[in-house]
PDB file of all heavy atoms in Angstrom:
ATOM      1  N   GLY A   1       0.086  -4.719   4.794  1.00  0.00           N
ATOM      2  CA  GLY A   1       0.544  -4.453   3.438  1.00  0.00           C
ATOM      3  C   GLY A   1       1.283  -5.646   2.870  1.00  0.00           C
ATOM      4  O   GLY A   1       0.950  -6.802   3.179  1.00  0.00           O
ATOM      5  N   VAL A   2       2.348  -5.387   2.047  1.00  0.00           N
ATOM      6  CA  VAL A   2       3.104  -6.476   1.436  1.00  0.00           C
ATOM      7  C   VAL A   2       4.609  -6.242   1.613  1.00  0.00           C
ATOM      8  O   VAL A   2       5.074  -5.110   1.771  1.00  0.00           O
ATOM      9  CB  VAL A   2       2.779  -6.625  -0.075  1.00  0.00           C
ATOM     10  CG1 VAL A   2       1.332  -6.968  -0.300  1.00  0.00           C
ATOM     11  CG2 VAL A   2       3.174  -5.383  -0.866  1.00  0.00           C
ATOM     12  N   ARG A   3       5.360  -7.372   1.578  1.00  0.00           N
ATOM     13  CA  ARG A   3       6.829  -7.301   1.569  1.00  0.00           C
ATOM     14  C   ARG A   3       7.295  -8.141   0.389  1.00  0.00           C
ATOM     15  O   ARG A   3       6.816  -9.259   0.187  1.00  0.00           O
ATOM     16  CB  ARG A   3       7.406  -7.842   2.885  1.00  0.00           C
ATOM     17  CG  ARG A   3       8.947  -7.799   2.890  1.00  0.00           C
ATOM     18  CD  ARG A   3       9.506  -8.072   4.266  1.00  0.00           C
ATOM     19  NE  ARG A   3       9.256  -9.440   4.726  1.00  0.00           N
ATOM     20  CZ  ARG A   3       9.840  -9.947   5.808  1.00  0.00           C
ATOM     21  NH1 ARG A   3      10.646  -9.207   6.546  1.00  0.00           N
ATOM     22  NH2 ARG A   3       9.574 -11.177   6.177  1.00  0.00           N
ATOM     23  N   ALA A   4       8.231  -7.576  -0.414  1.00  0.00           N
ATOM     24  CA  ALA A   4       8.716  -8.302  -1.593  1.00  0.00           C
ATOM     25  C   ALA A   4      10.204  -8.042  -1.783  1.00  0.00           C
ATOM     26  O   ALA A   4      10.734  -7.009  -1.355  1.00  0.00           O
ATOM     27  CB  ALA A   4       7.932  -7.861  -2.825  1.00  0.00           C
ATOM     28  N   ARG A   5      10.888  -9.016  -2.433  1.00  0.00           N
ATOM     29  CA  ARG A   5      12.290  -8.818  -2.806  1.00  0.00           C
ATOM     30  C   ARG A   5      12.340  -8.788  -4.333  1.00  0.00           C
ATOM     31  O   ARG A   5      11.916  -9.725  -5.000  1.00  0.00           O
ATOM     32  CB  ARG A   5      13.165  -9.943  -2.253  1.00  0.00           C
ATOM     33  CG  ARG A   5      14.670  -9.717  -2.490  1.00  0.00           C
ATOM     34  CD  ARG A   5      15.491 -10.757  -1.751  1.00  0.00           C
ATOM     35  NE  ARG A   5      15.384 -10.616  -0.304  1.00  0.00           N
ATOM     36  CZ  ARG A   5      16.066  -9.711   0.411  1.00  0.00           C
ATOM     37  NH1 ARG A   5      16.878  -8.868  -0.194  1.00  0.00           N
ATOM     38  NH2 ARG A   5      15.927  -9.659   1.728  1.00  0.00           N
ATOM     39  N   ILE A   6      12.838  -7.666  -4.848  1.00  0.00           N
ATOM     40  CA  ILE A   6      12.865  -7.466  -6.297  1.00  0.00           C
ATOM     41  C   ILE A   6      14.326  -7.302  -6.737  1.00  0.00           C
ATOM     42  O   ILE A   6      14.961  -6.264  -6.474  1.00  0.00           O
ATOM     43  CB  ILE A   6      12.028  -6.226  -6.696  1.00  0.00           C
ATOM     44  CG1 ILE A   6      10.564  -6.468  -6.281  1.00  0.00           C
ATOM     45  CG2 ILE A   6      12.132  -5.941  -8.180  1.00  0.00           C
ATOM     46  CD1 ILE A   6       9.802  -5.253  -5.978  1.00  0.00           C
ATOM     47  N   ASP A   7      14.852  -8.383  -7.365  1.00  0.00           N
ATOM     48  CA  ASP A   7      16.263  -8.373  -7.821  1.00  0.00           C
ATOM     49  C   ASP A   7      17.219  -7.851  -6.747  1.00  0.00           C
ATOM     50  O   ASP A   7      17.990  -6.907  -6.980  1.00  0.00           O
ATOM     51  CB  ASP A   7      16.404  -7.518  -9.098  1.00  0.00           C
ATOM     52  CG  ASP A   7      16.069  -8.316 -10.343  1.00  0.00           C
ATOM     53  OD1 ASP A   7      15.917  -9.559 -10.224  1.00  0.00           O
ATOM     54  OD2 ASP A   7      15.946  -7.714 -11.415  1.00  0.00           O
ATOM     55  N   GLY A   8      17.103  -8.388  -5.552  1.00  0.00           N
ATOM     56  CA  GLY A   8      18.026  -8.007  -4.479  1.00  0.00           C
ATOM     57  C   GLY A   8      17.610  -6.779  -3.697  1.00  0.00           C
ATOM     58  O   GLY A   8      18.250  -6.425  -2.706  1.00  0.00           O
ATOM     59  N   THR A   9      16.515  -6.107  -4.113  1.00  0.00           N
ATOM     60  CA  THR A   9      16.036  -4.921  -3.394  1.00  0.00           C
ATOM     61  C   THR A   9      14.813  -5.304  -2.566  1.00  0.00           C
ATOM     62  O   THR A   9      13.831  -5.835  -3.108  1.00  0.00           O
ATOM     63  CB  THR A   9      15.652  -3.785  -4.382  1.00  0.00           C
ATOM     64  OG1 THR A   9      16.783  -3.511  -5.207  1.00  0.00           O
ATOM     65  CG2 THR A   9      15.230  -2.535  -3.645  1.00  0.00           C
ATOM     66  N   GLU A  10      14.854  -5.026  -1.251  1.00  0.00           N
ATOM     67  CA  GLU A  10      13.701  -5.326  -0.394  1.00  0.00           C
ATOM     68  C   GLU A  10      12.738  -4.128  -0.413  1.00  0.00           C
ATOM     69  O   GLU A  10      13.159  -2.981  -0.215  1.00  0.00           O
ATOM     70  CB  GLU A  10      14.147  -5.614   1.038  1.00  0.00           C
ATOM     71  CG  GLU A  10      12.980  -6.127   1.893  1.00  0.00           C
ATOM     72  CD  GLU A  10      13.371  -6.383   3.349  1.00  0.00           C
ATOM     73  OE1 GLU A  10      13.813  -5.427   4.015  1.00  0.00           O
ATOM     74  OE2 GLU A  10      13.210  -7.528   3.793  1.00  0.00           O
ATOM     75  N   VAL A  11      11.462  -4.429  -0.648  1.00  0.00           N
ATOM     76  CA  VAL A  11      10.446  -3.368  -0.754  1.00  0.00           C
ATOM     77  C   VAL A  11       9.283  -3.683   0.190  1.00  0.00           C
ATOM     78  O   VAL A  11       8.795  -4.823   0.238  1.00  0.00           O
ATOM     79  CB  VAL A  11       9.910  -3.246  -2.211  1.00  0.00           C
ATOM     80  CG1 VAL A  11       8.870  -2.126  -2.300  1.00  0.00           C
ATOM     81  CG2 VAL A  11      11.044  -2.995  -3.191  1.00  0.00           C
ATOM     82  N   LEU A  12       8.876  -2.658   0.946  1.00  0.00           N
ATOM     83  CA  LEU A  12       7.668  -2.746   1.782  1.00  0.00           C
ATOM     84  C   LEU A  12       6.658  -1.728   1.253  1.00  0.00           C
ATOM     85  O   LEU A  12       7.021  -0.572   0.995  1.00  0.00           O
ATOM     86  CB  LEU A  12       7.982  -2.409   3.239  1.00  0.00           C
ATOM     87  CG  LEU A  12       8.973  -3.292   3.999  1.00  0.00           C
ATOM     88  CD1 LEU A  12       9.270  -2.678   5.367  1.00  0.00           C
ATOM     89  CD2 LEU A  12       8.417  -4.694   4.172  1.00  0.00           C
ATOM     90  N   VAL A  13       5.400  -2.156   1.104  1.00  0.00           N
ATOM     91  CA  VAL A  13       4.319  -1.236   0.691  1.00  0.00           C
ATOM     92  C   VAL A  13       3.121  -1.502   1.594  1.00  0.00           C
ATOM     93  O   VAL A  13       2.648  -2.648   1.676  1.00  0.00           O
ATOM     94  CB  VAL A  13       3.912  -1.435  -0.790  1.00  0.00           C
ATOM     95  CG1 VAL A  13       2.828  -0.426  -1.175  1.00  0.00           C
ATOM     96  CG2 VAL A  13       5.105  -1.309  -1.718  1.00  0.00           C
ATOM     97  N   GLY A  14       2.632  -0.451   2.287  1.00  0.00           N
ATOM     98  CA  GLY A  14       1.468  -0.662   3.156  1.00  0.00           C
ATOM     99  C   GLY A  14       1.108   0.567   3.960  1.00  0.00           C
ATOM    100  O   GLY A  14       1.491   1.692   3.615  1.00  0.00           O
ATOM    101  N   ASN A  15       0.414   0.342   5.072  1.00  0.00           N
ATOM    102  CA  ASN A  15      -0.067   1.456   5.884  1.00  0.00           C
ATOM    103  C   ASN A  15       0.943   1.831   6.978  1.00  0.00           C
ATOM    104  O   ASN A  15       2.030   1.255   7.063  1.00  0.00           O
ATOM    105  CB  ASN A  15      -1.440   1.119   6.489  1.00  0.00           C
ATOM    106  CG  ASN A  15      -1.425  -0.186   7.274  1.00  0.00           C
ATOM    107  OD1 ASN A  15      -0.388  -0.563   7.846  1.00  0.00           O
ATOM    108  ND2 ASN A  15      -2.559  -0.873   7.308  1.00  0.00           N
ATOM    109  N   ASP A  16       0.532   2.764   7.817  1.00  0.00           N
ATOM    110  CA  ASP A  16       1.435   3.251   8.870  1.00  0.00           C
ATOM    111  C   ASP A  16       1.806   2.144   9.863  1.00  0.00           C
ATOM    112  O   ASP A  16       2.919   2.114  10.402  1.00  0.00           O
ATOM    113  CB  ASP A  16       0.751   4.427   9.591  1.00  0.00           C
ATOM    114  CG  ASP A  16       1.700   5.123  10.562  1.00  0.00           C
ATOM    115  OD1 ASP A  16       2.771   5.564  10.117  1.00  0.00           O
ATOM    116  OD2 ASP A  16       1.369   5.193  11.766  1.00  0.00           O
ATOM    117  N   ARG A  17       0.898   1.193  10.084  1.00  0.00           N
ATOM    118  CA  ARG A  17       1.161   0.082  11.003  1.00  0.00           C
ATOM    119  C   ARG A  17       2.330  -0.761  10.502  1.00  0.00           C
ATOM    120  O   ARG A  17       3.105  -1.305  11.289  1.00  0.00           O
ATOM    121  CB  ARG A  17      -0.098  -0.790  11.167  1.00  0.00           C
ATOM    122  CG  ARG A  17      -1.203  -0.145  11.983  1.00  0.00           C
ATOM    123  CD  ARG A  17      -2.217  -1.172  12.474  1.00  0.00           C
ATOM    124  NE  ARG A  17      -2.887  -1.846  11.363  1.00  0.00           N
ATOM    125  CZ  ARG A  17      -3.998  -1.386  10.774  1.00  0.00           C
ATOM    126  NH1 ARG A  17      -4.543  -0.248  11.191  1.00  0.00           N
ATOM    127  NH2 ARG A  17      -4.552  -2.049   9.786  1.00  0.00           N
ATOM    128  N   LEU A  18       2.450  -0.886   9.169  1.00  0.00           N
ATOM    129  CA  LEU A  18       3.553  -1.648   8.573  1.00  0.00           C
ATOM    130  C   LEU A  18       4.905  -0.996   8.913  1.00  0.00           C
ATOM    131  O   LEU A  18       5.874  -1.683   9.253  1.00  0.00           O
ATOM    132  CB  LEU A  18       3.369  -1.726   7.057  1.00  0.00           C
ATOM    133  CG  LEU A  18       4.403  -2.558   6.289  1.00  0.00           C
ATOM    134  CD1 LEU A  18       4.134  -4.041   6.459  1.00  0.00           C
ATOM    135  CD2 LEU A  18       4.393  -2.202   4.805  1.00  0.00           C
ATOM    136  N   LEU A  19       4.940   0.356   8.857  1.00  0.00           N
ATOM    137  CA  LEU A  19       6.185   1.085   9.167  1.00  0.00           C
ATOM    138  C   LEU A  19       6.601   0.866  10.622  1.00  0.00           C
ATOM    139  O   LEU A  19       7.785   0.666  10.918  1.00  0.00           O
ATOM    140  CB  LEU A  19       6.008   2.586   8.891  1.00  0.00           C
ATOM    141  CG  LEU A  19       5.614   2.994   7.459  1.00  0.00           C
ATOM    142  CD1 LEU A  19       5.487   4.508   7.367  1.00  0.00           C
ATOM    143  CD2 LEU A  19       6.630   2.502   6.435  1.00  0.00           C
ATOM    144  N   HIS A  20       5.640   0.914  11.515  1.00  0.00           N
ATOM    145  CA  HIS A  20       5.931   0.718  12.944  1.00  0.00           C
ATOM    146  C   HIS A  20       6.322  -0.735  13.228  1.00  0.00           C
ATOM    147  O   HIS A  20       7.180  -0.997  14.081  1.00  0.00           O
ATOM    148  CB  HIS A  20       4.728   1.138  13.793  1.00  0.00           C
ATOM    149  CG  HIS A  20       4.535   2.630  13.832  1.00  0.00           C
ATOM    150  ND1 HIS A  20       5.303   3.464  14.604  1.00  0.00           N
ATOM    151  CD2 HIS A  20       3.668   3.428  13.149  1.00  0.00           C
ATOM    152  CE1 HIS A  20       4.908   4.715  14.414  1.00  0.00           C
ATOM    153  NE2 HIS A  20       3.912   4.717  13.532  1.00  0.00           N
ATOM    154  N   ARG A  21       5.705  -1.666  12.510  1.00  0.00           N
ATOM    155  CA  ARG A  21       6.020  -3.087  12.716  1.00  0.00           C
ATOM    156  C   ARG A  21       7.482  -3.377  12.379  1.00  0.00           C
ATOM    157  O   ARG A  21       8.155  -4.149  13.077  1.00  0.00           O
ATOM    158  CB  ARG A  21       5.083  -3.942  11.845  1.00  0.00           C
ATOM    159  CG  ARG A  21       5.401  -5.427  11.927  1.00  0.00           C
ATOM    160  CD  ARG A  21       4.313  -6.250  11.272  1.00  0.00           C
ATOM    161  NE  ARG A  21       4.675  -7.654  11.203  1.00  0.00           N
ATOM    162  CZ  ARG A  21       3.805  -8.629  10.981  1.00  0.00           C
ATOM    163  NH1 ARG A  21       2.529  -8.348  10.832  1.00  0.00           N
ATOM    164  NH2 ARG A  21       4.201  -9.876  10.915  1.00  0.00           N
ATOM    165  N   PHE A  22       7.997  -2.764  11.310  1.00  0.00           N
ATOM    166  CA  PHE A  22       9.384  -3.005  10.891  1.00  0.00           C
ATOM    167  C   PHE A  22      10.341  -1.889  11.363  1.00  0.00           C
ATOM    168  O   PHE A  22      11.480  -1.815  10.911  1.00  0.00           O
ATOM    169  CB  PHE A  22       9.452  -3.154   9.361  1.00  0.00           C
ATOM    170  CG  PHE A  22       8.887  -4.452   8.872  1.00  0.00           C
ATOM    171  CD1 PHE A  22       7.560  -4.551   8.468  1.00  0.00           C
ATOM    172  CD2 PHE A  22       9.664  -5.605   8.857  1.00  0.00           C
ATOM    173  CE1 PHE A  22       7.025  -5.750   8.027  1.00  0.00           C
ATOM    174  CE2 PHE A  22       9.141  -6.814   8.418  1.00  0.00           C
ATOM    175  CZ  PHE A  22       7.809  -6.898   8.007  1.00  0.00           C
ATOM    176  N   LYS A  23       9.782  -1.034  12.278  1.00  0.00           N
ATOM    177  CA  LYS A  23      10.584   0.032  12.900  1.00  0.00           C
ATOM    178  C   LYS A  23      11.324   0.894  11.864  1.00  0.00           C
ATOM    179  O   LYS A  23      12.536   1.127  11.952  1.00  0.00           O
ATOM    180  CB  LYS A  23      11.585  -0.560  13.904  1.00  0.00           C
ATOM    181  CG  LYS A  23      10.905  -1.284  15.078  1.00  0.00           C
ATOM    182  CD  LYS A  23      11.931  -1.839  16.051  1.00  0.00           C
ATOM    183  CE  LYS A  23      11.288  -2.406  17.294  1.00  0.00           C
ATOM    184  NZ  LYS A  23      10.294  -3.456  17.070  1.00  0.00           N
ATOM    185  N   VAL A  24      10.574   1.326  10.867  1.00  0.00           N
ATOM    186  CA  VAL A  24      11.131   2.191   9.817  1.00  0.00           C
ATOM    187  C   VAL A  24      10.970   3.646  10.242  1.00  0.00           C
ATOM    188  O   VAL A  24       9.863   4.087  10.592  1.00  0.00           O
ATOM    189  CB  VAL A  24      10.410   1.957   8.465  1.00  0.00           C
ATOM    190  CG1 VAL A  24      10.955   2.917   7.400  1.00  0.00           C
ATOM    191  CG2 VAL A  24      10.558   0.511   8.015  1.00  0.00           C
ATOM    192  N   GLU A  25      12.055   4.388  10.219  1.00  0.00           N
ATOM    193  CA  GLU A  25      11.973   5.818  10.564  1.00  0.00           C
ATOM    194  C   GLU A  25      11.222   6.566   9.452  1.00  0.00           C
ATOM    195  O   GLU A  25      11.529   6.418   8.271  1.00  0.00           O
ATOM    196  CB  GLU A  25      13.392   6.411  10.700  1.00  0.00           C
ATOM    197  CG  GLU A  25      14.085   6.038  12.002  1.00  0.00           C
ATOM    198  CD  GLU A  25      15.405   6.787  12.167  1.00  0.00           C
ATOM    199  OE1 GLU A  25      15.529   7.898  11.610  1.00  0.00           O
ATOM    200  OE2 GLU A  25      16.299   6.240  12.840  1.00  0.00           O
ATOM    201  N   HIS A  26      10.239   7.380   9.869  1.00  0.00           N
ATOM    202  CA  HIS A  26       9.465   8.154   8.882  1.00  0.00           C
ATOM    203  C   HIS A  26       8.939   9.421   9.531  1.00  0.00           C
ATOM    204  O   HIS A  26       8.740   9.472  10.750  1.00  0.00           O
ATOM    205  CB  HIS A  26       8.317   7.310   8.309  1.00  0.00           C
ATOM    206  CG  HIS A  26       7.349   6.802   9.346  1.00  0.00           C
ATOM    207  ND1 HIS A  26       7.688   5.788  10.235  1.00  0.00           N
ATOM    208  CD2 HIS A  26       6.065   7.160   9.643  1.00  0.00           C
ATOM    209  CE1 HIS A  26       6.648   5.546  11.020  1.00  0.00           C
ATOM    210  NE2 HIS A  26       5.647   6.374  10.680  1.00  0.00           N
ATOM    211  N   ASP A  27       8.710  10.426   8.720  1.00  0.00           N
ATOM    212  CA  ASP A  27       8.278  11.725   9.251  1.00  0.00           C
ATOM    213  C   ASP A  27       6.784  11.986   9.050  1.00  0.00           C
ATOM    214  O   ASP A  27       6.274  13.040   9.393  1.00  0.00           O
ATOM    215  CB  ASP A  27       9.091  12.859   8.591  1.00  0.00           C
ATOM    216  CG  ASP A  27       8.928  12.876   7.074  1.00  0.00           C
ATOM    217  OD1 ASP A  27       8.187  12.009   6.553  1.00  0.00           O
ATOM    218  OD2 ASP A  27       9.527  13.751   6.418  1.00  0.00           O
ATOM    219  N   THR A  28       6.067  11.046   8.438  1.00  0.00           N
ATOM    220  CA  THR A  28       4.636  11.260   8.144  1.00  0.00           C
ATOM    221  C   THR A  28       3.839  10.052   8.617  1.00  0.00           C
ATOM    222  O   THR A  28       4.106   8.927   8.173  1.00  0.00           O
ATOM    223  CB  THR A  28       4.420  11.463   6.624  1.00  0.00           C
ATOM    224  OG1 THR A  28       5.337  12.448   6.165  1.00  0.00           O
ATOM    225  CG2 THR A  28       2.996  11.892   6.324  1.00  0.00           C
ATOM    226  N   CYS A  29       2.862  10.330   9.494  1.00  0.00           N
ATOM    227  CA  CYS A  29       1.991   9.232   9.963  1.00  0.00           C
ATOM    228  C   CYS A  29       0.570   9.399   9.417  1.00  0.00           C
ATOM    229  O   CYS A  29       0.051   8.542   8.728  1.00  0.00           O
ATOM    230  CB  CYS A  29       1.965   9.185  11.486  1.00  0.00           C
ATOM    231  SG  CYS A  29       3.460   8.454  12.198  1.00  0.00           S
ATOM    232  N   ARG A  30      -0.048  10.535   9.743  1.00  0.00           N
ATOM    233  CA  ARG A  30      -1.446  10.769   9.319  1.00  0.00           C
ATOM    234  C   ARG A  30      -1.469  11.534   8.006  1.00  0.00           C
ATOM    235  O   ARG A  30      -0.875  12.592   7.870  1.00  0.00           O
ATOM    236  CB  ARG A  30      -2.214  11.545  10.387  1.00  0.00           C
ATOM    237  CG  ARG A  30      -2.498  10.713  11.637  1.00  0.00           C
ATOM    238  CD  ARG A  30      -3.460  11.438  12.570  1.00  0.00           C
ATOM    239  NE  ARG A  30      -4.785  11.606  11.997  1.00  0.00           N
ATOM    240  CZ  ARG A  30      -5.718  10.653  12.007  1.00  0.00           C
ATOM    241  NH1 ARG A  30      -5.453   9.465  12.517  1.00  0.00           N
ATOM    242  NH2 ARG A  30      -6.904  10.889  11.503  1.00  0.00           N
ATOM    243  N   VAL A  31      -2.151  10.948   7.035  1.00  0.00           N
ATOM    244  CA  VAL A  31      -2.297  11.582   5.717  1.00  0.00           C
ATOM    245  C   VAL A  31      -3.768  11.549   5.353  1.00  0.00           C
ATOM    246  O   VAL A  31      -4.438  10.524   5.531  1.00  0.00           O
ATOM    247  CB  VAL A  31      -1.476  10.818   4.632  1.00  0.00           C
ATOM    248  CG1 VAL A  31      -1.630  11.497   3.278  1.00  0.00           C
ATOM    249  CG2 VAL A  31      -0.012  10.743   5.028  1.00  0.00           C
ATOM    250  N   LYS A  32      -4.281  12.687   4.851  1.00  0.00           N
ATOM    251  CA  LYS A  32      -5.693  12.727   4.441  1.00  0.00           C
ATOM    252  C   LYS A  32      -5.872  11.871   3.191  1.00  0.00           C
ATOM    253  O   LYS A  32      -5.161  12.059   2.201  1.00  0.00           O
ATOM    254  CB  LYS A  32      -6.120  14.166   4.147  1.00  0.00           C
ATOM    255  CG  LYS A  32      -6.541  14.933   5.384  1.00  0.00           C
ATOM    256  CD  LYS A  32      -7.215  16.238   5.014  1.00  0.00           C
ATOM    257  CE  LYS A  32      -7.706  16.965   6.260  1.00  0.00           C
ATOM    258  NZ  LYS A  32      -8.384  18.217   5.928  1.00  0.00           N
ATOM    259  N   GLY A  33      -6.787  10.951   3.255  1.00  0.00           N
ATOM    260  CA  GLY A  33      -7.038  10.091   2.104  1.00  0.00           C
ATOM    261  C   GLY A  33      -6.461   8.706   2.309  1.00  0.00           C
ATOM    262  O   GLY A  33      -5.910   8.376   3.358  1.00  0.00           O
ATOM    263  N   THR A  34      -6.584   7.890   1.261  1.00  0.00           N
ATOM    264  CA  THR A  34      -6.054   6.526   1.303  1.00  0.00           C
ATOM    265  C   THR A  34      -4.586   6.579   0.894  1.00  0.00           C
ATOM    266  O   THR A  34      -4.244   7.126  -0.157  1.00  0.00           O
ATOM    267  CB  THR A  34      -6.855   5.629   0.336  1.00  0.00           C
ATOM    268  OG1 THR A  34      -8.237   5.718   0.689  1.00  0.00           O
ATOM    269  CG2 THR A  34      -6.405   4.187   0.424  1.00  0.00           C
ATOM    270  N   VAL A  35      -3.710   5.996   1.743  1.00  0.00           N
ATOM    271  CA  VAL A  35      -2.272   6.155   1.516  1.00  0.00           C
ATOM    272  C   VAL A  35      -1.560   4.801   1.529  1.00  0.00           C
ATOM    273  O   VAL A  35      -1.953   3.884   2.252  1.00  0.00           O
ATOM    274  CB  VAL A  35      -1.654   7.105   2.575  1.00  0.00           C
ATOM    275  CG1 VAL A  35      -1.735   6.494   3.960  1.00  0.00           C
ATOM    276  CG2 VAL A  35      -0.225   7.479   2.234  1.00  0.00           C
ATOM    277  N   ALA A  36      -0.503   4.687   0.680  1.00  0.00           N
ATOM    278  CA  ALA A  36       0.371   3.515   0.688  1.00  0.00           C
ATOM    279  C   ALA A  36       1.802   4.018   0.889  1.00  0.00           C
ATOM    280  O   ALA A  36       2.353   4.730   0.045  1.00  0.00           O
ATOM    281  CB  ALA A  36       0.245   2.762  -0.629  1.00  0.00           C
ATOM    282  N   HIS A  37       2.397   3.704   2.059  1.00  0.00           N
ATOM    283  CA  HIS A  37       3.789   4.082   2.335  1.00  0.00           C
ATOM    284  C   HIS A  37       4.713   3.089   1.626  1.00  0.00           C
ATOM    285  O   HIS A  37       4.398   1.896   1.543  1.00  0.00           O
ATOM    286  CB  HIS A  37       4.054   4.055   3.848  1.00  0.00           C
ATOM    287  CG  HIS A  37       3.263   5.076   4.605  1.00  0.00           C
ATOM    288  ND1 HIS A  37       3.651   6.385   4.696  1.00  0.00           N
ATOM    289  CD2 HIS A  37       2.094   4.974   5.309  1.00  0.00           C
ATOM    290  CE1 HIS A  37       2.762   7.059   5.426  1.00  0.00           C
ATOM    291  NE2 HIS A  37       1.810   6.216   5.818  1.00  0.00           N
ATOM    292  N   VAL A  38       5.879   3.583   1.165  1.00  0.00           N
ATOM    293  CA  VAL A  38       6.830   2.728   0.439  1.00  0.00           C
ATOM    294  C   VAL A  38       8.200   2.794   1.141  1.00  0.00           C
ATOM    295  O   VAL A  38       8.711   3.884   1.430  1.00  0.00           O
ATOM    296  CB  VAL A  38       6.963   3.175  -1.034  1.00  0.00           C
ATOM    297  CG1 VAL A  38       7.941   2.252  -1.786  1.00  0.00           C
ATOM    298  CG2 VAL A  38       5.600   3.181  -1.730  1.00  0.00           C
ATOM    299  N   VAL A  39       8.761   1.618   1.403  1.00  0.00           N
ATOM    300  CA  VAL A  39      10.090   1.502   2.023  1.00  0.00           C
ATOM    301  C   VAL A  39      10.976   0.698   1.073  1.00  0.00           C
ATOM    302  O   VAL A  39      10.592  -0.395   0.627  1.00  0.00           O
ATOM    303  CB  VAL A  39       9.998   0.808   3.402  1.00  0.00           C
ATOM    304  CG1 VAL A  39      11.386   0.657   4.025  1.00  0.00           C
ATOM    305  CG2 VAL A  39       9.062   1.574   4.329  1.00  0.00           C
ATOM    306  N   ILE A  40      12.183   1.248   0.735  1.00  0.00           N
ATOM    307  CA  ILE A  40      13.108   0.562  -0.170  1.00  0.00           C
ATOM    308  C   ILE A  40      14.421   0.311   0.583  1.00  0.00           C
ATOM    309  O   ILE A  40      15.072   1.259   1.055  1.00  0.00           O
ATOM    310  CB  ILE A  40      13.354   1.399  -1.449  1.00  0.00           C
ATOM    311  CG1 ILE A  40      12.022   1.621  -2.193  1.00  0.00           C
ATOM    312  CG2 ILE A  40      14.376   0.722  -2.368  1.00  0.00           C
ATOM    313  CD1 ILE A  40      12.094   2.585  -3.353  1.00  0.00           C
TER     314      ILE A  40
END
């Protein structure tokens, strides 16, 4: 996915692999359809 800094706010947008790579706690892994997870 992508990582960006927007006016001092760090944002991650991508797939489940992105969440595991940055060790982000989340309650949803498998979602039916095409999905983009968001971390702020």
